Amino acid sequence: MTDALLTASKPELLDKEGDRMLRGLLYDYFAFGRGLEACREIFAGFVDLSPTQYLILIAIKNSTAAQPMGVNKVAERLYLSGAFVTNEINKLVSDGLLEKSPHPEDGRRVQLTLTQRGLSLLIRLAALQRPVNDALFGMLTRDEFKMLSQLLSRLASNADSALKLAEHVRAALRLQEDQRAARTEAPESRKKRRATRSSTR
C-alpha cells in the first residue's frame, strides 16, 4: 500500500500490511458501538426515558456523598454540553425523578440526587441491564475488563481534541484544493478573455 492511501501515520498504528489492523479495529468498534446504542435505546424505552435521560440517572446513581453530582459534573462525565444536560435534568426534576439541593460547600451550585421514584425506576431497570451487560462483557477476564476500561477512558478523553483537529485539517485541505483549482482555471480564463477581445476588434 502506498503511503498516500494510509489512514494513519504513527508507527504504533501500522504494521507490515499498512493500516489493515487499524481499519479492522474501527470496524469492530463501530459494530460494538451500534450494539451498545441499540441496548441503550431498549433500556431507556423500558422506563419511558430518552437515552440521554437514562444516562443522566445512571451517572447520578453512581455519585457519592463525598463527591456529589452537579450539572457540570454530569456533563463532564457524559461528554455532553452543559446547556443540553441542564435541559434534560430540568425535565427529570419536573417528572419527580431527580431533586436539586444546595451544594454543602458552595451555595452557588446545586447537587443532584435521585428521588424515591427515580430509585425505584432504576431498580426496575437493573433487572433488564444485568443479563444484557453480562452478555456484552462477560467473555472478558477481570484483567481484560480493567484494561478495556482504562483504554476507553483515555480514548474518550482525547476524542474531542481529535474532532477539533478533523475540522481544522478539513478546512485547510479544502482551502488548498480551492487554491489549486483557481490556479488551474486561471490560464483558461485568460485565454477566453483574449479570445473575446480579439473577436470584438
Protein backbone atom coordinates (compact mmCIF):
# COMPACT_ATOMS: atom_id res chain seq x y z
CA MET A 1 0.00 0.00 0.00
CA THR A 2 1.33 3.45 -0.90
CA ASP A 3 1.74 5.99 1.90
CA ALA A 4 -0.80 8.26 0.19
CA LEU A 5 -3.54 5.71 0.93
CA LEU A 6 -2.68 5.10 4.59
CA THR A 7 -5.29 6.39 7.05
CA ALA A 8 -2.74 6.85 9.87
CA SER A 9 0.96 7.69 10.05
CA LYS A 10 2.07 6.81 13.60
CA PRO A 11 4.18 3.62 13.54
CA GLU A 12 2.25 2.25 16.54
CA LEU A 13 -0.90 2.16 14.40
CA LEU A 14 0.67 0.46 11.39
CA ASP A 15 2.13 -2.93 10.57
CA LYS A 16 3.66 -4.64 7.54
CA GLU A 17 0.24 -4.69 5.90
CA GLY A 18 -0.25 -0.97 6.35
CA ASP A 19 -3.32 0.19 8.26
CA ARG A 20 -5.31 -3.04 7.97
CA MET A 21 -5.30 -3.71 11.72
CA LEU A 22 -6.45 -0.14 12.44
CA ARG A 23 -9.30 -0.46 9.95
CA GLY A 24 -10.32 -3.80 11.46
CA LEU A 25 -10.29 -2.29 14.94
CA LEU A 26 -12.53 0.55 13.80
CA TYR A 27 -14.98 -1.77 12.02
CA ASP A 28 -15.26 -3.89 15.19
CA TYR A 29 -15.57 -0.78 17.37
CA PHE A 30 -18.36 0.65 15.20
CA ALA A 31 -20.19 -2.68 15.26
CA PHE A 32 -19.91 -2.89 19.04
CA GLY A 33 -20.92 0.77 19.34
CA ARG A 34 -24.06 0.15 17.30
CA GLY A 35 -24.91 -2.72 19.65
CA LEU A 36 -24.38 -0.51 22.70
CA GLU A 37 -26.54 2.25 21.21
CA ALA A 38 -29.33 -0.23 20.47
CA CYS A 39 -29.17 -1.63 24.02
CA ARG A 40 -29.26 1.89 25.44
CA GLU A 41 -32.38 2.62 23.40
CA ILE A 42 -34.02 -0.52 24.80
CA PHE A 43 -33.00 0.33 28.38
CA ALA A 44 -34.29 3.90 28.11
CA GLY A 45 -37.53 2.89 26.39
CA PHE A 46 -38.22 0.25 29.04
CA VAL A 47 -38.61 3.02 31.64
CA ASP A 48 -40.03 5.67 29.28
CA LEU A 49 -36.93 7.89 29.19
CA SER A 50 -34.83 9.35 26.41
CA PRO A 51 -31.39 7.72 26.05
CA THR A 52 -29.72 10.84 27.47
CA GLN A 53 -32.07 10.99 30.46
CA TYR A 54 -31.32 7.35 31.13
CA LEU A 55 -27.56 8.05 31.14
CA ILE A 56 -28.02 11.04 33.46
CA LEU A 57 -29.92 8.99 36.03
CA ILE A 58 -27.30 6.23 35.94
CA ALA A 59 -24.47 8.76 36.36
CA ILE A 60 -26.17 10.39 39.35
CA LYS A 61 -26.91 6.99 40.88
CA ASN A 62 -23.16 6.32 40.93
CA SER A 63 -22.30 9.58 42.72
CA THR A 64 -21.33 9.53 46.39
CA ALA A 65 -21.89 11.78 49.38
CA ALA A 66 -18.20 12.68 49.28
CA GLN A 67 -18.41 13.52 45.57
CA PRO A 68 -21.96 14.70 44.81
CA MET A 69 -23.00 15.27 41.22
CA GLY A 70 -23.94 18.68 39.90
CA VAL A 71 -24.86 19.69 36.37
CA ASN A 72 -21.26 20.34 35.32
CA LYS A 73 -20.04 17.04 36.71
CA VAL A 74 -22.76 15.14 34.88
CA ALA A 75 -21.97 16.94 31.62
CA GLU A 76 -18.26 16.25 32.07
CA ARG A 77 -18.82 12.57 32.82
CA LEU A 78 -21.11 12.04 29.82
CA TYR A 79 -19.05 14.23 27.43
CA LEU A 80 -22.08 16.42 26.71
CA SER A 81 -22.64 20.18 26.72
CA GLY A 82 -23.72 21.80 29.96
CA ALA A 83 -26.70 23.53 28.34
CA PHE A 84 -28.06 20.27 26.93
CA VAL A 85 -27.61 18.43 30.22
CA THR A 86 -29.28 21.27 32.13
CA ASN A 87 -32.36 21.00 29.92
CA GLU A 88 -32.60 17.22 30.38
CA ILE A 89 -32.06 17.47 34.13
CA ASN A 90 -34.86 20.02 34.45
CA LYS A 91 -37.20 17.55 32.73
CA LEU A 92 -36.18 14.81 35.16
CA VAL A 93 -36.75 17.14 38.10
CA SER A 94 -40.20 18.05 36.73
CA ASP A 95 -41.00 14.35 36.37
CA GLY A 96 -40.11 13.74 40.01
CA LEU A 97 -37.10 11.51 39.29
CA LEU A 98 -34.40 13.92 40.49
CA GLU A 99 -34.19 16.61 43.10
CA LYS A 100 -31.86 19.55 43.46
CA SER A 101 -30.39 20.77 46.73
CA PRO A 102 -27.73 23.36 47.62
CA HIS A 103 -24.16 22.14 47.44
CA PRO A 104 -22.81 21.79 51.02
CA GLU A 105 -19.62 23.73 50.23
CA ASP A 106 -20.71 26.18 47.52
CA GLY A 107 -24.11 27.86 47.73
CA ARG A 108 -23.93 28.90 44.07
CA ARG A 109 -24.02 25.27 42.96
CA VAL A 110 -26.60 22.53 43.32
CA GLN A 111 -26.20 18.82 43.85
CA LEU A 112 -28.46 16.25 42.28
CA THR A 113 -29.91 13.17 43.93
CA LEU A 114 -32.42 10.53 42.95
CA THR A 115 -35.89 10.74 44.42
CA GLN A 116 -37.52 7.58 45.73
CA ARG A 117 -39.40 7.38 42.44
CA GLY A 118 -36.16 7.67 40.49
CA LEU A 119 -34.51 5.00 42.63
CA SER A 120 -37.47 2.63 42.14
CA LEU A 121 -37.26 3.18 38.39
CA LEU A 122 -33.57 2.24 38.32
CA ILE A 123 -34.19 -0.86 40.45
CA ARG A 124 -36.78 -1.97 37.89
CA LEU A 125 -34.37 -1.19 35.05
CA ALA A 126 -31.46 -3.09 36.62
CA ALA A 127 -33.32 -6.38 36.15
CA LEU A 128 -33.02 -5.77 32.39
CA GLN A 129 -29.49 -4.35 32.44
CA ARG A 130 -27.83 -7.19 34.36
CA PRO A 131 -28.23 -10.04 31.83
CA VAL A 132 -27.55 -7.74 28.86
CA ASN A 133 -24.33 -6.29 30.31
CA ASP A 134 -23.21 -9.79 31.30
CA ALA A 135 -23.70 -10.83 27.66
CA LEU A 136 -21.88 -7.74 26.32
CA PHE A 137 -18.80 -8.01 28.53
CA GLY A 138 -18.93 -11.46 30.13
CA MET A 139 -16.33 -13.02 27.79
CA LEU A 140 -13.61 -10.74 29.25
CA THR A 141 -11.43 -11.69 32.18
CA ARG A 142 -11.23 -9.27 35.11
CA ASP A 143 -7.82 -8.04 33.94
CA GLU A 144 -9.08 -7.59 30.37
CA PHE A 145 -12.11 -5.70 31.64
CA LYS A 146 -9.94 -3.34 33.71
CA MET A 147 -7.62 -2.80 30.75
CA LEU A 148 -10.56 -2.05 28.43
CA SER A 149 -11.96 0.43 30.96
CA GLN A 150 -8.64 2.25 31.21
CA LEU A 151 -8.09 2.33 27.46
CA LEU A 152 -11.59 3.60 26.66
CA SER A 153 -11.25 6.32 29.30
CA ARG A 154 -8.06 7.54 27.62
CA LEU A 155 -9.58 7.35 24.14
CA ALA A 156 -12.78 9.15 25.18
CA SER A 157 -10.86 11.99 26.83
CA ASN A 158 -8.94 12.56 23.58
CA ALA A 159 -11.91 12.30 21.19
CA ASP A 160 -12.92 15.97 21.43
CA SER A 161 -9.40 17.12 20.54
CA ALA A 162 -9.36 14.74 17.57
CA LEU A 163 -12.70 16.10 16.36
CA LYS A 164 -11.45 19.69 16.53
CA LEU A 165 -8.33 18.63 14.64
CA ALA A 166 -10.50 16.95 11.97
CA GLU A 167 -12.45 20.18 11.45
CA HIS A 168 -9.24 22.26 11.26
CA VAL A 169 -7.47 19.91 8.82
CA ARG A 170 -10.61 19.61 6.66
CA ALA A 171 -10.80 23.41 6.32
CA ALA A 172 -7.09 23.65 5.50
CA LEU A 173 -7.29 20.90 2.85
CA ARG A 174 -10.35 22.45 1.23
CA LEU A 175 -8.56 25.79 1.06
CA GLN A 176 -5.57 24.14 -0.63
CA GLU A 177 -7.87 22.39 -3.12
CA ASP A 178 -9.68 25.66 -3.90
CA GLN A 179 -6.38 27.46 -4.44
CA ARG A 180 -5.12 24.71 -6.77
CA ALA A 181 -8.40 24.82 -8.69
CA ALA A 182 -8.14 28.61 -9.03
CA ARG A 183 -4.56 28.37 -10.39
CA THR A 184 -5.61 25.67 -12.86
CA GLU A 185 -8.61 27.63 -14.09
CA ALA A 186 -6.77 30.96 -14.37
CA PRO A 187 -4.93 30.25 -17.70
CA GLU A 188 -8.16 29.09 -19.32
CA SER A 189 -9.92 32.22 -18.13
CA ARG A 190 -7.14 34.40 -19.57
CA LYS A 191 -7.39 32.61 -22.93
CA LYS A 192 -11.15 33.20 -23.02
CA ARG A 193 -10.71 36.89 -22.23
CA ARG A 194 -8.07 37.24 -25.01
CA ALA A 195 -10.33 35.40 -27.45
CA THR A 196 -13.25 37.68 -26.55
CA ARG A 197 -11.14 40.81 -27.06
CA SER A 198 -9.88 39.54 -30.43
CA SER A 199 -13.38 38.80 -31.70
CA THR A 200 -14.57 42.33 -30.89
CA ARG A 201 -11.82 44.15 -32.80
